[in-house]
Amino acid sequence: MFIRYLKKEKCGFVFFLIVYIALFISSYLLIGGPATVEGPICVFLVFCFVQFHKYRSFKKDAGNKKGIGILRERHLEKAIQLEYLKKKERRAHDQT
């Protein structure tokens, strides 16, 4: 499941890394480093936090889709059983 999520969000991760590295390098070139040590760390932690919540919702949606598929299969099985029973009753009724 996690691999599917990584494939889906690959562009977002790459974009974040490129922008993060570019901003980090530009801060060293323009002002000699980040203004605080906590700034880049907090940006990275917030990104991780957001990705964690996105992954949870992705996993929840995948579970719901799987659950819907299971319910659909059960419904089809019941419909087939009902049709079989109806045919069986018709045969019994026709024989009498």
C-alpha atoms as a PDB file:
ATOM      1  CA  MET A   1       0.000   0.000   0.000  1.00  0.00           C
ATOM      2  CA  PHE A   2       2.833   2.381   0.902  1.00  0.00           C
ATOM      3  CA  ILE A   3       4.579   1.714  -2.419  1.00  0.00           C
ATOM      4  CA  ARG A   4       1.413   2.677  -4.329  1.00  0.00           C
ATOM      5  CA  TYR A   5       1.235   5.899  -2.314  1.00  0.00           C
ATOM      6  CA  LEU A   6       4.877   6.723  -3.070  1.00  0.00           C
ATOM      7  CA  LYS A   7       4.282   6.167  -6.781  1.00  0.00           C
ATOM      8  CA  LYS A   8       1.222   8.419  -6.665  1.00  0.00           C
ATOM      9  CA  GLU A   9       2.998  11.244  -4.781  1.00  0.00           C
ATOM     10  CA  LYS A  10       6.366  10.936  -6.561  1.00  0.00           C
ATOM     11  CA  CYS A  11       6.079  14.327  -8.302  1.00  0.00           C
ATOM     12  CA  GLY A  12       5.192  16.058  -5.037  1.00  0.00           C
ATOM     13  CA  PHE A  13       8.231  14.621  -3.263  1.00  0.00           C
ATOM     14  CA  VAL A  14      10.583  15.570  -6.091  1.00  0.00           C
ATOM     15  CA  PHE A  15       9.139  19.090  -6.283  1.00  0.00           C
ATOM     16  CA  PHE A  16       9.512  19.550  -2.518  1.00  0.00           C
ATOM     17  CA  LEU A  17      13.119  18.354  -2.536  1.00  0.00           C
ATOM     18  CA  ILE A  18      14.084  20.610  -5.438  1.00  0.00           C
ATOM     19  CA  VAL A  19      12.485  23.696  -3.864  1.00  0.00           C
ATOM     20  CA  TYR A  20      13.833  22.835  -0.404  1.00  0.00           C
ATOM     21  CA  ILE A  21      17.395  22.431  -1.673  1.00  0.00           C
ATOM     22  CA  ALA A  22      17.157  25.550  -3.865  1.00  0.00           C
ATOM     23  CA  LEU A  23      15.928  27.666  -0.956  1.00  0.00           C
ATOM     24  CA  PHE A  24      18.574  26.245   1.353  1.00  0.00           C
ATOM     25  CA  ILE A  25      21.365  27.018  -1.134  1.00  0.00           C
ATOM     26  CA  SER A  26      19.984  30.497  -1.854  1.00  0.00           C
ATOM     27  CA  SER A  27      19.884  31.276   1.884  1.00  0.00           C
ATOM     28  CA  TYR A  28      23.607  30.457   2.115  1.00  0.00           C
ATOM     29  CA  LEU A  29      24.405  32.537  -0.956  1.00  0.00           C
ATOM     30  CA  LEU A  30      22.319  35.564   0.073  1.00  0.00           C
ATOM     31  CA  ILE A  31      22.657  35.784   3.863  1.00  0.00           C
ATOM     32  CA  GLY A  32      25.293  33.206   4.793  1.00  0.00           C
ATOM     33  CA  GLY A  33      22.898  30.515   5.976  1.00  0.00           C
ATOM     34  CA  PRO A  34      19.375  30.155   7.288  1.00  0.00           C
ATOM     35  CA  ALA A  35      18.315  32.796   9.798  1.00  0.00           C
ATOM     36  CA  THR A  36      17.566  30.082  12.375  1.00  0.00           C
ATOM     37  CA  VAL A  37      18.466  26.432  12.602  1.00  0.00           C
ATOM     38  CA  GLU A  38      14.866  25.536  13.407  1.00  0.00           C
ATOM     39  CA  GLY A  39      13.451  27.019  10.169  1.00  0.00           C
ATOM     40  CA  PRO A  40      14.550  24.311   7.720  1.00  0.00           C
ATOM     41  CA  ILE A  41      13.902  21.597  10.305  1.00  0.00           C
ATOM     42  CA  CYS A  42      10.345  22.828  10.925  1.00  0.00           C
ATOM     43  CA  VAL A  43       9.625  23.076   7.198  1.00  0.00           C
ATOM     44  CA  PHE A  44      10.737  19.466   6.760  1.00  0.00           C
ATOM     45  CA  LEU A  45       8.737  18.270   9.786  1.00  0.00           C
ATOM     46  CA  VAL A  46       5.590  20.020   8.533  1.00  0.00           C
ATOM     47  CA  PHE A  47       6.068  18.397   5.127  1.00  0.00           C
ATOM     48  CA  CYS A  48       6.374  14.986   6.812  1.00  0.00           C
ATOM     49  CA  PHE A  49       3.283  15.691   8.924  1.00  0.00           C
ATOM     50  CA  VAL A  50       1.230  16.658   5.859  1.00  0.00           C
ATOM     51  CA  GLN A  51       2.408  13.561   3.968  1.00  0.00           C
ATOM     52  CA  PHE A  52       1.501  11.371   6.943  1.00  0.00           C
ATOM     53  CA  HIS A  53      -2.072  12.677   6.900  1.00  0.00           C
ATOM     54  CA  LYS A  54      -2.284  12.338   3.122  1.00  0.00           C
ATOM     55  CA  TYR A  55      -1.117   8.721   3.424  1.00  0.00           C
ATOM     56  CA  ARG A  56      -3.731   7.990   6.099  1.00  0.00           C
ATOM     57  CA  SER A  57      -6.505   9.371   3.896  1.00  0.00           C
ATOM     58  CA  PHE A  58      -5.105   7.455   0.891  1.00  0.00           C
ATOM     59  CA  LYS A  59      -5.097   4.244   2.925  1.00  0.00           C
ATOM     60  CA  LYS A  60      -8.614   4.925   4.201  1.00  0.00           C
ATOM     61  CA  ASP A  61      -9.914   5.565   0.667  1.00  0.00           C
ATOM     62  CA  ALA A  62      -8.245   2.400  -0.616  1.00  0.00           C
ATOM     63  CA  GLY A  63      -9.855   0.446   2.219  1.00  0.00           C
ATOM     64  CA  ASN A  64     -13.250   1.937   1.415  1.00  0.00           C
ATOM     65  CA  LYS A  65     -12.872   1.044  -2.251  1.00  0.00           C
ATOM     66  CA  LYS A  66     -11.892  -2.481  -1.265  1.00  0.00           C
ATOM     67  CA  GLY A  67     -14.876  -2.663   1.080  1.00  0.00           C
ATOM     68  CA  ILE A  68     -17.209  -1.482  -1.675  1.00  0.00           C
ATOM     69  CA  GLY A  69     -15.800  -4.171  -3.964  1.00  0.00           C
ATOM     70  CA  ILE A  70     -16.419  -6.831  -1.331  1.00  0.00           C
ATOM     71  CA  LEU A  71     -19.986  -5.624  -0.789  1.00  0.00           C
ATOM     72  CA  ARG A  72     -20.595  -5.643  -4.545  1.00  0.00           C
ATOM     73  CA  GLU A  73     -19.318  -9.225  -4.789  1.00  0.00           C
ATOM     74  CA  ARG A  74     -21.559 -10.314  -1.898  1.00  0.00           C
ATOM     75  CA  HIS A  75     -24.535  -8.625  -3.534  1.00  0.00           C
ATOM     76  CA  LEU A  76     -23.848 -10.441  -6.818  1.00  0.00           C
ATOM     77  CA  GLU A  77     -23.495 -13.776  -5.004  1.00  0.00           C
ATOM     78  CA  LYS A  78     -26.843 -13.244  -3.270  1.00  0.00           C
ATOM     79  CA  ALA A  79     -28.485 -12.271  -6.567  1.00  0.00           C
ATOM     80  CA  ILE A  80     -27.139 -15.432  -8.220  1.00  0.00           C
ATOM     81  CA  GLN A  81     -28.341 -17.577  -5.317  1.00  0.00           C
ATOM     82  CA  LEU A  82     -31.771 -15.939  -5.461  1.00  0.00           C
ATOM     83  CA  GLU A  83     -32.014 -16.539  -9.205  1.00  0.00           C
ATOM     84  CA  TYR A  84     -31.008 -20.180  -8.703  1.00  0.00           C
ATOM     85  CA  LEU A  85     -33.679 -20.639  -6.036  1.00  0.00           C
ATOM     86  CA  LYS A  86     -36.327 -19.047  -8.268  1.00  0.00           C
ATOM     87  CA  LYS A  87     -35.435 -21.415 -11.120  1.00  0.00           C
ATOM     88  CA  LYS A  88     -35.526 -24.355  -8.734  1.00  0.00           C
ATOM     89  CA  GLU A  89     -39.015 -23.339  -7.510  1.00  0.00           C
ATOM     90  CA  ARG A  90     -40.251 -22.977 -11.106  1.00  0.00           C
ATOM     91  CA  ARG A  91     -39.003 -26.443 -11.963  1.00  0.00           C
ATOM     92  CA  ALA A  92     -40.669 -27.889  -8.869  1.00  0.00           C
ATOM     93  CA  HIS A  93     -43.881 -26.040  -9.681  1.00  0.00           C
ATOM     94  CA  ASP A  94     -43.813 -27.137 -13.347  1.00  0.00           C
ATOM     95  CA  GLN A  95     -43.328 -30.783 -12.370  1.00  0.00           C
ATOM     96  CA  THR A  96     -46.472 -30.794 -10.256  1.00  0.00           C
END
